[in-house]
């Protein structure tokens, strides 16, 4: 039953991530943090598919997980591969979404952050993630005993700052809003997980 729930969580979480990225961030050249943010930066500059970039950039971190926490490696590999595939697969659909829904950029950044945060939080809830900096944050969280959502938020800030410098100040401002909401909803999901663990064990 747990394995079944984990598979469903990876699918649902990846779809949420893809919706948040493609429908709410890409139309305004906004960024998420972590590997997704780096993938979007490279997409905006070169036109490469962000999912492919995520896989390439995540490889060194997965190598680190293989050496130090092999359980994290196996639990996150599927989430990273499936979410990267889903982001690239659903990418063409954002054109029709833009044509039918005209959202202000601020609202789009907020909604995108919420949806992405829910997607990441759901996967963390069942011991998986999209890999990349999410996986690195899980490793660090066990070492420093800080909520994984807070660690992700700190990492994301560096990515957003870099993206704002490369792309535009507007990207920096709106993407900051995105990661704040994404970090908040990720933290809410993981805090609930800890409460559940205490109740069960």
C-alpha atoms as a PDB file:
ATOM      1  CA  UNK A   1       0.000   0.000   0.000  1.00  0.00           C
ATOM      2  CA  UNK A   2       2.843   2.399   0.851  1.00  0.00           C
ATOM      3  CA  UNK A   3       4.569   1.700  -2.472  1.00  0.00           C
ATOM      4  CA  UNK A   4       1.306   2.332  -4.306  1.00  0.00           C
ATOM      5  CA  UNK A   5       0.846   5.651  -2.500  1.00  0.00           C
ATOM      6  CA  UNK A   6       4.436   6.605  -3.273  1.00  0.00           C
ATOM      7  CA  UNK A   7       3.983   5.938  -6.989  1.00  0.00           C
ATOM      8  CA  UNK A   8       0.784   8.004  -7.053  1.00  0.00           C
ATOM      9  CA  UNK A   9       2.538  10.777  -5.125  1.00  0.00           C
ATOM     10  CA  UNK A  10       5.393  10.917  -7.635  1.00  0.00           C
ATOM     11  CA  UNK A  11       2.930  11.139 -10.513  1.00  0.00           C
ATOM     12  CA  UNK A  12       0.717  13.773  -8.883  1.00  0.00           C
ATOM     13  CA  UNK A  13       3.673  15.771  -7.551  1.00  0.00           C
ATOM     14  CA  UNK A  14       5.379  15.787 -10.949  1.00  0.00           C
ATOM     15  CA  UNK A  15       2.209  16.926 -12.692  1.00  0.00           C
ATOM     16  CA  UNK A  16       1.770  19.737 -10.163  1.00  0.00           C
ATOM     17  CA  UNK A  17       5.372  20.809 -10.715  1.00  0.00           C
ATOM     18  CA  UNK A  18       4.916  20.797 -14.468  1.00  0.00           C
ATOM     19  CA  UNK A  19       1.707  22.819 -14.278  1.00  0.00           C
ATOM     20  CA  UNK A  20       3.292  25.370 -11.975  1.00  0.00           C
ATOM     21  CA  UNK A  21       6.374  25.737 -14.156  1.00  0.00           C
ATOM     22  CA  UNK A  22       4.856  25.662 -17.635  1.00  0.00           C
ATOM     23  CA  UNK A  23       1.581  27.505 -17.070  1.00  0.00           C
ATOM     24  CA  UNK A  24       2.552  30.103 -14.470  1.00  0.00           C
ATOM     25  CA  UNK A  25       6.320  30.690 -14.607  1.00  0.00           C
ATOM     26  CA  UNK A  26       7.383  30.265 -18.234  1.00  0.00           C
ATOM     27  CA  UNK A  27       4.880  32.788 -19.688  1.00  0.00           C
ATOM     28  CA  UNK A  28       6.521  35.588 -17.663  1.00  0.00           C
ATOM     29  CA  UNK A  29      10.080  34.204 -17.672  1.00  0.00           C
ATOM     30  CA  UNK A  30       9.877  33.554 -13.950  1.00  0.00           C
ATOM     31  CA  UNK A  31      12.026  31.157 -11.965  1.00  0.00           C
ATOM     32  CA  UNK A  32      11.678  28.579  -9.294  1.00  0.00           C
ATOM     33  CA  UNK A  33      14.694  27.755  -7.195  1.00  0.00           C
ATOM     34  CA  UNK A  34      17.021  24.809  -7.285  1.00  0.00           C
ATOM     35  CA  UNK A  35      17.578  22.697 -10.369  1.00  0.00           C
ATOM     36  CA  UNK A  36      14.240  23.739 -11.824  1.00  0.00           C
ATOM     37  CA  UNK A  37      15.340  27.354 -11.601  1.00  0.00           C
ATOM     38  CA  UNK A  38      18.673  26.569 -13.208  1.00  0.00           C
ATOM     39  CA  UNK A  39      16.895  24.612 -15.911  1.00  0.00           C
ATOM     40  CA  UNK A  40      14.603  27.575 -16.610  1.00  0.00           C
ATOM     41  CA  UNK A  41      17.503  30.024 -16.729  1.00  0.00           C
ATOM     42  CA  UNK A  42      19.220  27.888 -19.347  1.00  0.00           C
ATOM     43  CA  UNK A  43      15.916  27.472 -21.209  1.00  0.00           C
ATOM     44  CA  UNK A  44      15.397  31.246 -21.394  1.00  0.00           C
ATOM     45  CA  UNK A  45      18.960  31.777 -22.596  1.00  0.00           C
ATOM     46  CA  UNK A  46      19.496  28.843 -24.952  1.00  0.00           C
ATOM     47  CA  UNK A  47      16.057  27.349 -25.610  1.00  0.00           C
ATOM     48  CA  UNK A  48      17.058  23.943 -24.210  1.00  0.00           C
ATOM     49  CA  UNK A  49      14.386  21.817 -22.580  1.00  0.00           C
ATOM     50  CA  UNK A  50      14.561  22.456 -18.812  1.00  0.00           C
ATOM     51  CA  UNK A  51      13.828  18.838 -17.887  1.00  0.00           C
ATOM     52  CA  UNK A  52      16.892  17.643 -19.770  1.00  0.00           C
ATOM     53  CA  UNK A  53      19.007  20.313 -18.077  1.00  0.00           C
ATOM     54  CA  UNK A  54      17.691  19.221 -14.672  1.00  0.00           C
ATOM     55  CA  UNK A  55      18.767  15.643 -15.320  1.00  0.00           C
ATOM     56  CA  UNK A  56      22.253  16.720 -16.391  1.00  0.00           C
ATOM     57  CA  UNK A  57      22.812  19.122 -13.487  1.00  0.00           C
ATOM     58  CA  UNK A  58      21.367  16.710 -10.925  1.00  0.00           C
ATOM     59  CA  UNK A  59      23.814  13.942 -11.807  1.00  0.00           C
ATOM     60  CA  UNK A  60      26.638  15.089  -9.448  1.00  0.00           C
ATOM     61  CA  UNK A  61      24.230  15.367  -6.515  1.00  0.00           C
ATOM     62  CA  UNK A  62      22.878  11.887  -7.200  1.00  0.00           C
ATOM     63  CA  UNK A  63      26.453  10.651  -7.246  1.00  0.00           C
ATOM     64  CA  UNK A  64      26.888  12.219  -3.792  1.00  0.00           C
ATOM     65  CA  UNK A  65      23.720  10.511  -2.584  1.00  0.00           C
ATOM     66  CA  UNK A  66      24.940   7.189  -4.006  1.00  0.00           C
ATOM     67  CA  UNK A  67      28.091   7.475  -1.889  1.00  0.00           C
ATOM     68  CA  UNK A  68      26.610   8.789   1.377  1.00  0.00           C
ATOM     69  CA  UNK A  69      22.885   7.947   1.411  1.00  0.00           C
ATOM     70  CA  UNK A  70      22.031   5.284  -1.107  1.00  0.00           C
ATOM     71  CA  UNK A  71      18.456   5.104   0.174  1.00  0.00           C
ATOM     72  CA  UNK A  72      17.971   8.748  -0.852  1.00  0.00           C
ATOM     73  CA  UNK A  73      19.451   7.957  -4.244  1.00  0.00           C
ATOM     74  CA  UNK A  74      16.892   5.250  -4.974  1.00  0.00           C
ATOM     75  CA  UNK A  75      13.954   7.093  -3.414  1.00  0.00           C
ATOM     76  CA  UNK A  76      14.604  10.304  -5.377  1.00  0.00           C
ATOM     77  CA  UNK A  77      15.745   8.938  -8.730  1.00  0.00           C
ATOM     78  CA  UNK A  78      12.244   8.138  -9.926  1.00  0.00           C
ATOM     79  CA  UNK A  79      10.909  11.515  -8.818  1.00  0.00           C
ATOM     80  CA  UNK A  80      13.663  13.388 -10.623  1.00  0.00           C
ATOM     81  CA  UNK A  81      13.324  11.446 -13.873  1.00  0.00           C
ATOM     82  CA  UNK A  82       9.524  11.506 -13.977  1.00  0.00           C
ATOM     83  CA  UNK A  83       9.207  15.182 -13.013  1.00  0.00           C
ATOM     84  CA  UNK A  84      11.824  16.196 -15.599  1.00  0.00           C
ATOM     85  CA  UNK A  85      10.017  14.198 -18.264  1.00  0.00           C
ATOM     86  CA  UNK A  86       6.652  15.688 -17.269  1.00  0.00           C
ATOM     87  CA  UNK A  87       7.970  19.258 -17.367  1.00  0.00           C
ATOM     88  CA  UNK A  88       9.255  18.803 -20.915  1.00  0.00           C
ATOM     89  CA  UNK A  89       6.261  16.753 -22.074  1.00  0.00           C
ATOM     90  CA  UNK A  90       3.664  19.313 -20.938  1.00  0.00           C
ATOM     91  CA  UNK A  91       5.722  22.295 -22.062  1.00  0.00           C
ATOM     92  CA  UNK A  92       3.895  22.815 -25.409  1.00  0.00           C
ATOM     93  CA  UNK A  93       0.546  23.101 -23.603  1.00  0.00           C
ATOM     94  CA  UNK A  94       1.455  26.439 -22.048  1.00  0.00           C
ATOM     95  CA  UNK A  95       0.791  28.217 -25.350  1.00  0.00           C
ATOM     96  CA  UNK A  96      -2.922  27.348 -25.286  1.00  0.00           C
ATOM     97  CA  UNK A  97      -3.085  28.218 -21.596  1.00  0.00           C
ATOM     98  CA  UNK A  98      -1.663  31.674 -22.261  1.00  0.00           C
ATOM     99  CA  UNK A  99      -4.129  32.195 -25.079  1.00  0.00           C
ATOM    100  CA  UNK A 100      -7.136  31.399 -22.881  1.00  0.00           C
ATOM    101  CA  UNK A 101      -6.104  32.788 -19.505  1.00  0.00           C
ATOM    102  CA  UNK A 102      -4.631  36.247 -19.043  1.00  0.00           C
ATOM    103  CA  UNK A 103      -3.288  36.437 -15.512  1.00  0.00           C
ATOM    104  CA  UNK A 104      -1.318  39.347 -14.053  1.00  0.00           C
ATOM    105  CA  UNK A 105       2.307  38.425 -13.552  1.00  0.00           C
ATOM    106  CA  UNK A 106       2.095  38.821  -9.754  1.00  0.00           C
ATOM    107  CA  UNK A 107      -0.896  36.486  -9.491  1.00  0.00           C
ATOM    108  CA  UNK A 108       0.825  34.007 -11.784  1.00  0.00           C
ATOM    109  CA  UNK A 109       3.955  34.033  -9.613  1.00  0.00           C
ATOM    110  CA  UNK A 110       1.889  33.362  -6.479  1.00  0.00           C
ATOM    111  CA  UNK A 111      -0.194  30.556  -7.981  1.00  0.00           C
ATOM    112  CA  UNK A 112       2.879  29.012  -9.573  1.00  0.00           C
ATOM    113  CA  UNK A 113       4.710  29.037  -6.233  1.00  0.00           C
ATOM    114  CA  UNK A 114       1.794  27.427  -4.415  1.00  0.00           C
ATOM    115  CA  UNK A 115       1.392  24.647  -6.982  1.00  0.00           C
ATOM    116  CA  UNK A 116       5.131  23.940  -7.121  1.00  0.00           C
ATOM    117  CA  UNK A 117       5.352  23.938  -3.325  1.00  0.00           C
ATOM    118  CA  UNK A 118       2.516  21.435  -3.095  1.00  0.00           C
ATOM    119  CA  UNK A 119       4.158  19.220  -5.703  1.00  0.00           C
ATOM    120  CA  UNK A 120       7.524  19.211  -3.932  1.00  0.00           C
ATOM    121  CA  UNK A 121       5.912  18.849  -0.508  1.00  0.00           C
ATOM    122  CA  UNK A 122       3.833  15.865  -1.555  1.00  0.00           C
ATOM    123  CA  UNK A 123       6.887  14.024  -2.837  1.00  0.00           C
ATOM    124  CA  UNK A 124       8.960  14.840   0.252  1.00  0.00           C
ATOM    125  CA  UNK A 125       6.073  13.550   2.314  1.00  0.00           C
ATOM    126  CA  UNK A 126       6.618  10.035   1.005  1.00  0.00           C
ATOM    127  CA  UNK A 127      10.400  10.108   1.083  1.00  0.00           C
ATOM    128  CA  UNK A 128      11.020  11.104  -2.503  1.00  0.00           C
ATOM    129  CA  UNK A 129      11.807  14.333  -4.326  1.00  0.00           C
ATOM    130  CA  UNK A 130      12.731  15.805  -7.675  1.00  0.00           C
ATOM    131  CA  UNK A 131      16.391  15.271  -6.833  1.00  0.00           C
ATOM    132  CA  UNK A 132      18.856  18.071  -7.411  1.00  0.00           C
ATOM    133  CA  UNK A 133      18.899  20.647  -4.649  1.00  0.00           C
ATOM    134  CA  UNK A 134      15.805  19.023  -3.083  1.00  0.00           C
ATOM    135  CA  UNK A 135      17.855  15.879  -2.609  1.00  0.00           C
ATOM    136  CA  UNK A 136      20.795  17.914  -1.324  1.00  0.00           C
ATOM    137  CA  UNK A 137      18.450  19.690   1.100  1.00  0.00           C
ATOM    138  CA  UNK A 138      17.260  16.340   2.437  1.00  0.00           C
ATOM    139  CA  UNK A 139      20.857  15.287   3.085  1.00  0.00           C
ATOM    140  CA  UNK A 140      21.636  18.583   4.827  1.00  0.00           C
ATOM    141  CA  UNK A 141      18.408  18.510   6.837  1.00  0.00           C
ATOM    142  CA  UNK A 142      19.483  15.291   8.529  1.00  0.00           C
ATOM    143  CA  UNK A 143      22.834  16.838   9.412  1.00  0.00           C
ATOM    144  CA  UNK A 144      21.802  20.267  10.714  1.00  0.00           C
ATOM    145  CA  UNK A 145      18.266  19.385  11.926  1.00  0.00           C
ATOM    146  CA  UNK A 146      16.613  22.276  10.092  1.00  0.00           C
ATOM    147  CA  UNK A 147      13.301  21.885   8.271  1.00  0.00           C
ATOM    148  CA  UNK A 148      14.001  20.824   4.706  1.00  0.00           C
ATOM    149  CA  UNK A 149      11.682  23.523   3.345  1.00  0.00           C
ATOM    150  CA  UNK A 150      13.808  26.229   4.993  1.00  0.00           C
ATOM    151  CA  UNK A 151      16.995  24.808   3.502  1.00  0.00           C
ATOM    152  CA  UNK A 152      15.377  24.692   0.070  1.00  0.00           C
ATOM    153  CA  UNK A 153      14.308  28.328   0.512  1.00  0.00           C
ATOM    154  CA  UNK A 154      17.891  29.413   1.232  1.00  0.00           C
ATOM    155  CA  UNK A 155      19.238  27.559  -1.789  1.00  0.00           C
ATOM    156  CA  UNK A 156      16.483  28.954  -3.968  1.00  0.00           C
ATOM    157  CA  UNK A 157      17.389  32.506  -2.992  1.00  0.00           C
ATOM    158  CA  UNK A 158      20.833  32.130  -4.562  1.00  0.00           C
ATOM    159  CA  UNK A 159      19.365  30.709  -7.771  1.00  0.00           C
ATOM    160  CA  UNK A 160      16.786  33.486  -8.025  1.00  0.00           C
ATOM    161  CA  UNK A 161      19.410  36.159  -7.434  1.00  0.00           C
ATOM    162  CA  UNK A 162      21.552  34.740 -10.221  1.00  0.00           C
ATOM    163  CA  UNK A 163      18.544  34.558 -12.535  1.00  0.00           C
ATOM    164  CA  UNK A 164      17.541  38.119 -11.730  1.00  0.00           C
ATOM    165  CA  UNK A 165      21.003  39.351 -12.629  1.00  0.00           C
ATOM    166  CA  UNK A 166      21.077  37.388 -15.895  1.00  0.00           C
ATOM    167  CA  UNK A 167      17.488  37.993 -17.023  1.00  0.00           C
ATOM    168  CA  UNK A 168      15.911  41.093 -15.439  1.00  0.00           C
ATOM    169  CA  UNK A 169      15.106  42.824 -12.105  1.00  0.00           C
ATOM    170  CA  UNK A 170      11.413  42.030 -12.705  1.00  0.00           C
ATOM    171  CA  UNK A 171      12.278  38.349 -12.895  1.00  0.00           C
ATOM    172  CA  UNK A 172      14.112  38.668  -9.588  1.00  0.00           C
ATOM    173  CA  UNK A 173      11.185  40.369  -7.846  1.00  0.00           C
ATOM    174  CA  UNK A 174       8.431  38.089  -9.115  1.00  0.00           C
ATOM    175  CA  UNK A 175      10.502  34.935  -8.730  1.00  0.00           C
ATOM    176  CA  UNK A 176      11.185  35.888  -5.120  1.00  0.00           C
ATOM    177  CA  UNK A 177       7.433  35.869  -4.569  1.00  0.00           C
ATOM    178  CA  UNK A 178       7.272  32.459  -6.231  1.00  0.00           C
ATOM    179  CA  UNK A 179       9.893  30.817  -4.018  1.00  0.00           C
ATOM    180  CA  UNK A 180       8.412  32.341  -0.868  1.00  0.00           C
ATOM    181  CA  UNK A 181       5.073  30.675  -1.564  1.00  0.00           C
ATOM    182  CA  UNK A 182       6.754  27.496  -2.794  1.00  0.00           C
ATOM    183  CA  UNK A 183       8.899  27.314   0.352  1.00  0.00           C
ATOM    184  CA  UNK A 184       5.909  28.021   2.594  1.00  0.00           C
ATOM    185  CA  UNK A 185       3.746  25.273   1.127  1.00  0.00           C
ATOM    186  CA  UNK A 186       6.654  22.827   1.027  1.00  0.00           C
ATOM    187  CA  UNK A 187       7.293  23.521   4.714  1.00  0.00           C
ATOM    188  CA  UNK A 188       3.621  23.064   5.575  1.00  0.00           C
ATOM    189  CA  UNK A 189       3.607  19.664   3.912  1.00  0.00           C
ATOM    190  CA  UNK A 190       6.776  18.483   5.653  1.00  0.00           C
ATOM    191  CA  UNK A 191       5.682  19.818   9.054  1.00  0.00           C
ATOM    192  CA  UNK A 192       2.487  17.812   8.701  1.00  0.00           C
ATOM    193  CA  UNK A 193       4.606  14.760   7.920  1.00  0.00           C
ATOM    194  CA  UNK A 194       6.557  15.138  11.169  1.00  0.00           C
ATOM    195  CA  UNK A 195       3.330  15.426  13.094  1.00  0.00           C
ATOM    196  CA  UNK A 196       2.058  12.240  11.477  1.00  0.00           C
ATOM    197  CA  UNK A 197       5.268  10.397  12.321  1.00  0.00           C
ATOM    198  CA  UNK A 198       4.981  11.410  15.959  1.00  0.00           C
ATOM    199  CA  UNK A 199       1.404  10.246  16.043  1.00  0.00           C
ATOM    200  CA  UNK A 200       2.214   6.864  14.489  1.00  0.00           C
ATOM    201  CA  UNK A 201       5.491   6.095  16.187  1.00  0.00           C
END
